[in-house]
N, C-alpha and C. Protein backbone atom coordinates (compact mmCIF):
# COMPACT_ATOMS: atom_id res chain seq x y z
N MET A 1 28.10 -3.64 -27.56
CA MET A 1 27.65 -5.08 -27.41
C MET A 1 28.08 -6.12 -28.47
N GLN A 2 28.08 -7.28 -28.26
CA GLN A 2 28.91 -8.46 -28.79
C GLN A 2 27.53 -9.01 -29.94
N GLU A 3 28.08 -9.28 -31.19
CA GLU A 3 27.37 -10.16 -32.01
C GLU A 3 26.56 -11.01 -31.35
N ALA A 4 25.20 -11.30 -32.18
CA ALA A 4 24.43 -12.30 -31.59
C ALA A 4 24.94 -13.79 -31.50
N GLU A 5 25.54 -14.33 -32.60
CA GLU A 5 26.14 -15.50 -32.60
C GLU A 5 27.43 -15.83 -31.46
N VAL A 6 28.05 -14.74 -31.38
CA VAL A 6 29.15 -14.46 -30.33
C VAL A 6 28.54 -15.04 -28.67
N VAL A 7 27.26 -14.43 -28.60
CA VAL A 7 26.78 -14.39 -27.52
C VAL A 7 26.04 -15.80 -27.30
N LEU A 8 25.10 -16.21 -28.30
CA LEU A 8 24.61 -17.20 -28.02
C LEU A 8 25.80 -18.45 -27.89
N GLY A 9 26.74 -18.34 -28.84
CA GLY A 9 27.78 -19.33 -28.47
C GLY A 9 28.29 -19.38 -26.95
N VAL A 10 28.55 -18.34 -26.50
CA VAL A 10 28.90 -18.46 -25.10
C VAL A 10 28.23 -18.79 -24.19
N LEU A 11 26.69 -18.75 -24.36
CA LEU A 11 25.69 -18.94 -23.51
C LEU A 11 25.36 -20.68 -23.62
N ARG A 12 25.66 -21.01 -24.99
CA ARG A 12 25.36 -22.38 -25.31
C ARG A 12 26.51 -23.19 -24.56
N GLU A 13 27.67 -22.93 -24.66
CA GLU A 13 28.75 -23.62 -24.22
C GLU A 13 28.95 -23.38 -22.53
N ARG A 14 28.49 -22.13 -22.23
CA ARG A 14 28.23 -22.50 -20.49
C ARG A 14 27.10 -23.45 -20.02
N GLY A 15 25.96 -23.51 -20.73
CA GLY A 15 24.98 -24.30 -20.65
C GLY A 15 25.52 -25.75 -20.61
N ARG A 16 26.15 -26.00 -21.83
CA ARG A 16 26.96 -27.67 -22.05
C ARG A 16 27.85 -27.81 -20.57
N LYS A 17 28.57 -26.97 -20.39
CA LYS A 17 29.37 -27.25 -18.96
C LYS A 17 28.60 -27.04 -17.75
N GLY A 18 27.45 -26.59 -17.85
CA GLY A 18 26.76 -26.89 -16.50
C GLY A 18 26.91 -25.38 -15.44
N LEU A 19 27.49 -24.25 -16.18
CA LEU A 19 28.06 -23.07 -15.46
C LEU A 19 26.93 -22.49 -15.63
N PRO A 20 26.72 -21.38 -14.38
CA PRO A 20 25.64 -20.60 -14.34
C PRO A 20 25.69 -19.56 -15.38
N LEU A 21 24.72 -18.94 -15.86
CA LEU A 21 24.38 -17.95 -16.98
C LEU A 21 24.46 -16.71 -16.07
N THR A 22 25.34 -15.81 -15.84
CA THR A 22 25.62 -14.60 -15.20
C THR A 22 24.98 -13.36 -16.26
N GLN A 23 24.40 -12.38 -15.71
CA GLN A 23 23.95 -11.29 -16.73
C GLN A 23 23.39 -11.41 -17.98
N LEU A 24 22.50 -12.21 -17.75
CA LEU A 24 21.62 -12.77 -19.07
C LEU A 24 20.66 -11.90 -19.01
N TYR A 25 19.89 -11.06 -18.27
CA TYR A 25 19.12 -9.93 -18.43
C TYR A 25 19.83 -8.98 -19.25
N ARG A 26 21.20 -8.51 -19.22
CA ARG A 26 21.79 -7.47 -19.79
C ARG A 26 21.97 -7.83 -21.42
N GLN A 27 21.89 -9.10 -21.55
CA GLN A 27 21.81 -9.29 -23.01
C GLN A 27 20.76 -9.31 -23.95
N MET A 28 19.52 -9.18 -22.98
CA MET A 28 18.62 -8.77 -23.54
C MET A 28 18.44 -7.29 -24.21
N PHE A 29 19.50 -6.36 -24.03
CA PHE A 29 19.37 -5.21 -24.63
C PHE A 29 20.06 -5.14 -25.87
N ASN A 30 20.72 -6.19 -26.41
CA ASN A 30 21.40 -6.55 -27.40
C ASN A 30 20.40 -6.52 -28.69
N LYS A 31 20.31 -5.43 -29.75
CA LYS A 31 19.42 -5.44 -30.61
C LYS A 31 19.78 -6.60 -31.83
N ASP A 32 21.22 -7.23 -31.76
CA ASP A 32 21.49 -8.15 -32.74
C ASP A 32 20.68 -9.54 -32.47
N LEU A 33 20.66 -9.75 -31.08
CA LEU A 33 19.56 -10.89 -30.46
C LEU A 33 18.23 -10.83 -31.35
N TYR A 34 17.52 -9.79 -31.12
CA TYR A 34 16.36 -9.74 -31.52
C TYR A 34 16.10 -9.78 -33.27
N LEU A 35 17.06 -9.29 -33.83
CA LEU A 35 17.15 -9.63 -35.30
C LEU A 35 17.37 -10.89 -35.58
N ALA A 36 18.41 -11.73 -34.90
CA ALA A 36 18.64 -13.22 -35.10
C ALA A 36 17.04 -14.08 -34.65
N ALA A 37 16.51 -13.77 -33.69
CA ALA A 37 15.33 -14.17 -33.47
C ALA A 37 14.27 -13.85 -34.51
N TYR A 38 14.13 -12.62 -34.80
CA TYR A 38 13.29 -12.31 -35.93
C TYR A 38 13.52 -13.39 -37.29
N GLY A 39 14.66 -13.72 -37.47
CA GLY A 39 15.04 -14.28 -38.47
C GLY A 39 14.82 -15.71 -38.49
N ASN A 40 14.78 -16.16 -37.08
CA ASN A 40 14.23 -17.65 -36.68
C ASN A 40 12.60 -17.66 -37.08
N ILE A 41 12.03 -16.53 -36.55
CA ILE A 41 10.30 -16.69 -36.36
C ILE A 41 9.74 -16.34 -37.91
N TYR A 42 10.63 -15.35 -38.51
CA TYR A 42 9.76 -15.15 -39.93
C TYR A 42 10.10 -16.35 -40.97
N SER A 43 11.04 -17.24 -40.49
CA SER A 43 11.01 -18.16 -41.75
C SER A 43 9.88 -19.22 -41.39
N ASN A 44 9.31 -19.11 -40.22
CA ASN A 44 8.55 -20.37 -39.84
C ASN A 44 7.24 -20.20 -40.64
N GLN A 45 6.44 -21.45 -40.97
CA GLN A 45 5.37 -21.33 -41.92
C GLN A 45 4.05 -20.61 -41.37
N GLY A 46 4.03 -20.56 -39.97
CA GLY A 46 2.89 -19.81 -39.22
C GLY A 46 3.08 -18.40 -39.20
N ALA A 47 4.20 -17.66 -39.48
CA ALA A 47 4.97 -16.54 -38.66
C ALA A 47 3.74 -15.30 -39.26
N MET A 48 3.09 -15.51 -40.35
CA MET A 48 2.02 -14.40 -40.68
C MET A 48 0.59 -14.86 -40.00
N THR A 49 0.57 -15.86 -39.30
CA THR A 49 -0.80 -16.06 -38.78
C THR A 49 -0.90 -14.89 -37.51
N PRO A 50 -2.13 -14.26 -37.48
CA PRO A 50 -2.25 -13.13 -36.19
C PRO A 50 -2.34 -13.95 -34.98
N GLY A 51 -1.76 -13.63 -34.00
CA GLY A 51 -1.82 -14.02 -32.56
C GLY A 51 -3.03 -13.41 -31.83
N PRO A 52 -2.86 -13.60 -30.47
CA PRO A 52 -4.06 -13.09 -29.78
C PRO A 52 -4.46 -11.44 -30.11
N SER A 53 -3.37 -10.72 -30.07
CA SER A 53 -3.68 -9.07 -30.40
C SER A 53 -3.76 -8.82 -31.96
N GLN A 54 -3.75 -9.95 -32.77
CA GLN A 54 -4.14 -9.52 -33.98
C GLN A 54 -3.00 -8.93 -34.72
N GLU A 55 -1.68 -8.86 -34.16
CA GLU A 55 -0.48 -8.42 -34.92
C GLU A 55 0.08 -9.67 -35.41
N THR A 56 1.07 -9.43 -36.67
CA THR A 56 1.79 -10.55 -36.90
C THR A 56 3.35 -10.12 -36.99
N ALA A 57 4.13 -10.91 -37.13
CA ALA A 57 5.99 -10.63 -37.09
C ALA A 57 6.01 -10.13 -38.36
N ASP A 58 5.21 -9.72 -39.33
CA ASP A 58 5.34 -9.05 -40.59
C ASP A 58 5.65 -7.56 -40.09
N GLY A 59 5.00 -7.03 -38.85
CA GLY A 59 4.86 -5.67 -38.47
C GLY A 59 6.09 -5.33 -37.86
N MET A 60 7.07 -6.02 -37.76
CA MET A 60 8.00 -5.93 -36.90
C MET A 60 9.16 -4.78 -37.62
N SER A 61 9.51 -4.06 -36.82
CA SER A 61 10.61 -3.16 -37.19
C SER A 61 11.51 -2.74 -36.20
N GLU A 62 12.71 -2.16 -36.59
CA GLU A 62 14.00 -1.90 -35.54
C GLU A 62 13.08 -0.83 -34.78
N ASP A 63 12.44 -0.06 -35.08
CA ASP A 63 11.95 0.61 -34.24
C ASP A 63 10.99 0.05 -33.07
N LEU A 64 10.50 -0.87 -33.26
CA LEU A 64 9.75 -1.93 -32.40
C LEU A 64 10.32 -2.50 -31.51
N ILE A 65 11.69 -2.86 -32.03
CA ILE A 65 12.82 -3.75 -31.19
C ILE A 65 13.26 -2.67 -30.33
N ASP A 66 13.55 -1.52 -30.89
CA ASP A 66 14.07 -0.37 -29.75
C ASP A 66 12.80 -0.08 -28.59
N GLU A 67 11.59 -0.04 -29.07
CA GLU A 67 10.94 0.22 -27.76
C GLU A 67 10.62 -0.90 -27.04
N VAL A 68 10.98 -2.17 -27.21
CA VAL A 68 11.02 -3.53 -26.31
C VAL A 68 12.14 -3.14 -25.65
N ILE A 69 13.34 -2.90 -26.08
CA ILE A 69 14.59 -2.72 -25.38
C ILE A 69 14.33 -1.70 -24.39
N GLY A 70 13.88 -0.59 -24.74
CA GLY A 70 13.39 0.49 -23.88
C GLY A 70 12.65 0.19 -22.71
N GLN A 71 11.77 -0.57 -22.85
CA GLN A 71 11.01 -1.14 -21.66
C GLN A 71 11.41 -1.92 -20.87
N MET A 72 12.37 -3.00 -21.51
CA MET A 72 13.20 -4.07 -20.68
C MET A 72 14.07 -3.02 -19.74
N ARG A 73 14.93 -2.18 -20.18
CA ARG A 73 15.83 -1.67 -19.31
C ARG A 73 15.59 -1.10 -17.92
N PRO A 74 14.16 -0.32 -17.77
CA PRO A 74 13.84 -0.14 -16.35
C PRO A 74 12.96 -1.27 -15.82
N GLU A 75 12.78 -2.31 -16.55
CA GLU A 75 11.86 -3.57 -16.11
C GLU A 75 10.40 -3.14 -16.23
N ARG A 76 9.98 -2.60 -17.30
CA ARG A 76 8.54 -2.35 -17.65
C ARG A 76 7.91 -3.35 -18.53
N TYR A 77 8.79 -3.79 -19.33
CA TYR A 77 8.02 -4.86 -20.34
C TYR A 77 7.36 -6.10 -19.49
N ARG A 78 6.05 -5.99 -20.26
CA ARG A 78 5.36 -6.97 -19.75
C ARG A 78 5.15 -8.17 -20.74
N PHE A 79 5.43 -9.39 -20.45
CA PHE A 79 5.09 -10.29 -21.45
C PHE A 79 3.56 -10.61 -21.54
N ALA A 80 3.36 -10.87 -22.67
CA ALA A 80 1.71 -11.06 -23.06
C ALA A 80 1.64 -12.70 -22.59
N PRO A 81 0.20 -12.85 -21.83
CA PRO A 81 0.11 -14.19 -21.65
C PRO A 81 0.04 -15.01 -22.87
N ALA A 82 0.01 -16.35 -22.78
CA ALA A 82 0.02 -17.29 -23.92
C ALA A 82 -1.40 -17.72 -24.07
N ARG A 83 -1.85 -17.68 -25.40
CA ARG A 83 -3.19 -18.20 -25.81
C ARG A 83 -3.37 -19.48 -25.78
N ARG A 84 -4.19 -20.27 -24.79
CA ARG A 84 -4.37 -21.94 -25.04
C ARG A 84 -5.03 -22.23 -26.25
N VAL A 85 -4.49 -23.12 -27.10
CA VAL A 85 -5.26 -23.81 -28.16
C VAL A 85 -5.85 -25.32 -27.99
N ARG A 86 -7.41 -24.96 -27.94
CA ARG A 86 -8.21 -26.32 -27.55
C ARG A 86 -7.50 -27.40 -28.05
N ASN A 87 -7.19 -27.64 -29.45
CA ASN A 87 -6.67 -28.76 -29.80
C ASN A 87 -5.31 -29.13 -29.52
N GLU A 88 -5.00 -28.54 -28.89
CA GLU A 88 -3.27 -29.08 -28.14
C GLU A 88 -3.56 -28.75 -27.02
N PRO A 89 -3.97 -29.57 -26.09
CA PRO A 89 -4.31 -29.16 -24.45
C PRO A 89 -2.98 -29.28 -23.98
N THR A 90 -1.81 -30.07 -24.22
CA THR A 90 -0.68 -30.27 -23.47
C THR A 90 0.24 -29.33 -24.19
N GLY A 91 0.00 -28.63 -25.15
CA GLY A 91 1.23 -27.62 -25.88
C GLY A 91 1.43 -26.67 -25.03
N PRO A 92 2.44 -25.55 -25.40
CA PRO A 92 2.82 -24.58 -24.61
C PRO A 92 1.84 -23.28 -24.78
N GLY A 93 1.09 -23.49 -25.64
CA GLY A 93 -0.04 -22.11 -25.94
C GLY A 93 0.87 -21.53 -27.14
N SER A 94 0.06 -20.35 -27.56
CA SER A 94 0.52 -19.39 -28.63
C SER A 94 0.83 -18.26 -27.96
N PRO A 95 2.21 -17.75 -27.89
CA PRO A 95 2.18 -16.79 -27.19
C PRO A 95 2.01 -15.56 -28.18
N HIS A 96 2.06 -14.44 -27.62
CA HIS A 96 2.07 -13.16 -28.65
C HIS A 96 3.37 -13.05 -29.28
N TRP A 97 3.56 -12.59 -30.37
CA TRP A 97 4.68 -12.75 -31.27
C TRP A 97 5.95 -11.96 -30.95
N ARG A 98 5.69 -11.06 -30.18
CA ARG A 98 6.79 -10.06 -29.46
C ARG A 98 7.31 -10.80 -28.44
N GLY A 99 6.61 -11.45 -27.77
CA GLY A 99 7.27 -12.55 -26.73
C GLY A 99 7.99 -13.55 -27.25
N SER A 100 7.74 -13.88 -28.62
CA SER A 100 8.56 -14.95 -29.08
C SER A 100 9.83 -14.88 -29.54
N TYR A 101 10.21 -13.48 -29.73
CA TYR A 101 11.45 -13.14 -29.72
C TYR A 101 12.40 -13.31 -28.46
N HIS A 102 11.76 -13.41 -27.35
CA HIS A 102 12.75 -13.56 -26.22
C HIS A 102 12.62 -15.21 -26.03
N ALA A 103 11.49 -16.08 -26.47
CA ALA A 103 11.43 -17.53 -26.27
C ALA A 103 12.42 -17.90 -26.99
N SER A 104 12.66 -17.26 -28.46
CA SER A 104 13.39 -18.00 -29.33
C SER A 104 14.74 -18.06 -29.00
N ALA A 105 15.29 -17.08 -28.20
CA ALA A 105 16.80 -17.09 -27.45
C ALA A 105 17.01 -18.36 -26.93
N GLY A 106 15.96 -18.48 -26.09
CA GLY A 106 16.51 -19.41 -24.90
C GLY A 106 16.65 -21.11 -25.69
N PRO A 107 15.84 -21.58 -26.78
CA PRO A 107 16.27 -22.93 -27.08
C PRO A 107 17.49 -22.79 -28.03
N ARG A 108 17.79 -21.47 -28.47
CA ARG A 108 19.20 -21.73 -29.03
C ARG A 108 20.24 -21.65 -28.33
N CYS A 109 20.12 -21.30 -26.91
CA CYS A 109 21.33 -21.64 -26.30
C CYS A 109 21.41 -22.90 -25.54
N SER A 110 20.61 -23.49 -25.55
CA SER A 110 20.56 -24.92 -24.69
C SER A 110 21.67 -26.19 -25.56
N PRO A 111 22.03 -26.79 -24.77
CA PRO A 111 22.92 -27.62 -25.38
C PRO A 111 22.23 -28.97 -26.38
């Protein structure tokens, strides 16, 4: 597997050029992408706030990443629904922190 920054750079460049992103699901098996996403999430001020499942990003481990990747390979991983926040009716909601790994990679790839 390629390093996360190389993969993200290629995806970002293809997005800028308007080219299709092929084999994107396969990239979700790259542990480096999850570690890079964790670096983004962990540095946020609210990362230690419990989500809908009362888990925090502080409980993340490489074993947990391996578990998520293991569930994604046979397409068994289920994203948790977002919790809506009353004081932000137009906001995107508050996703489960594990789902934040996947959501974190998307904005980093956009132009």
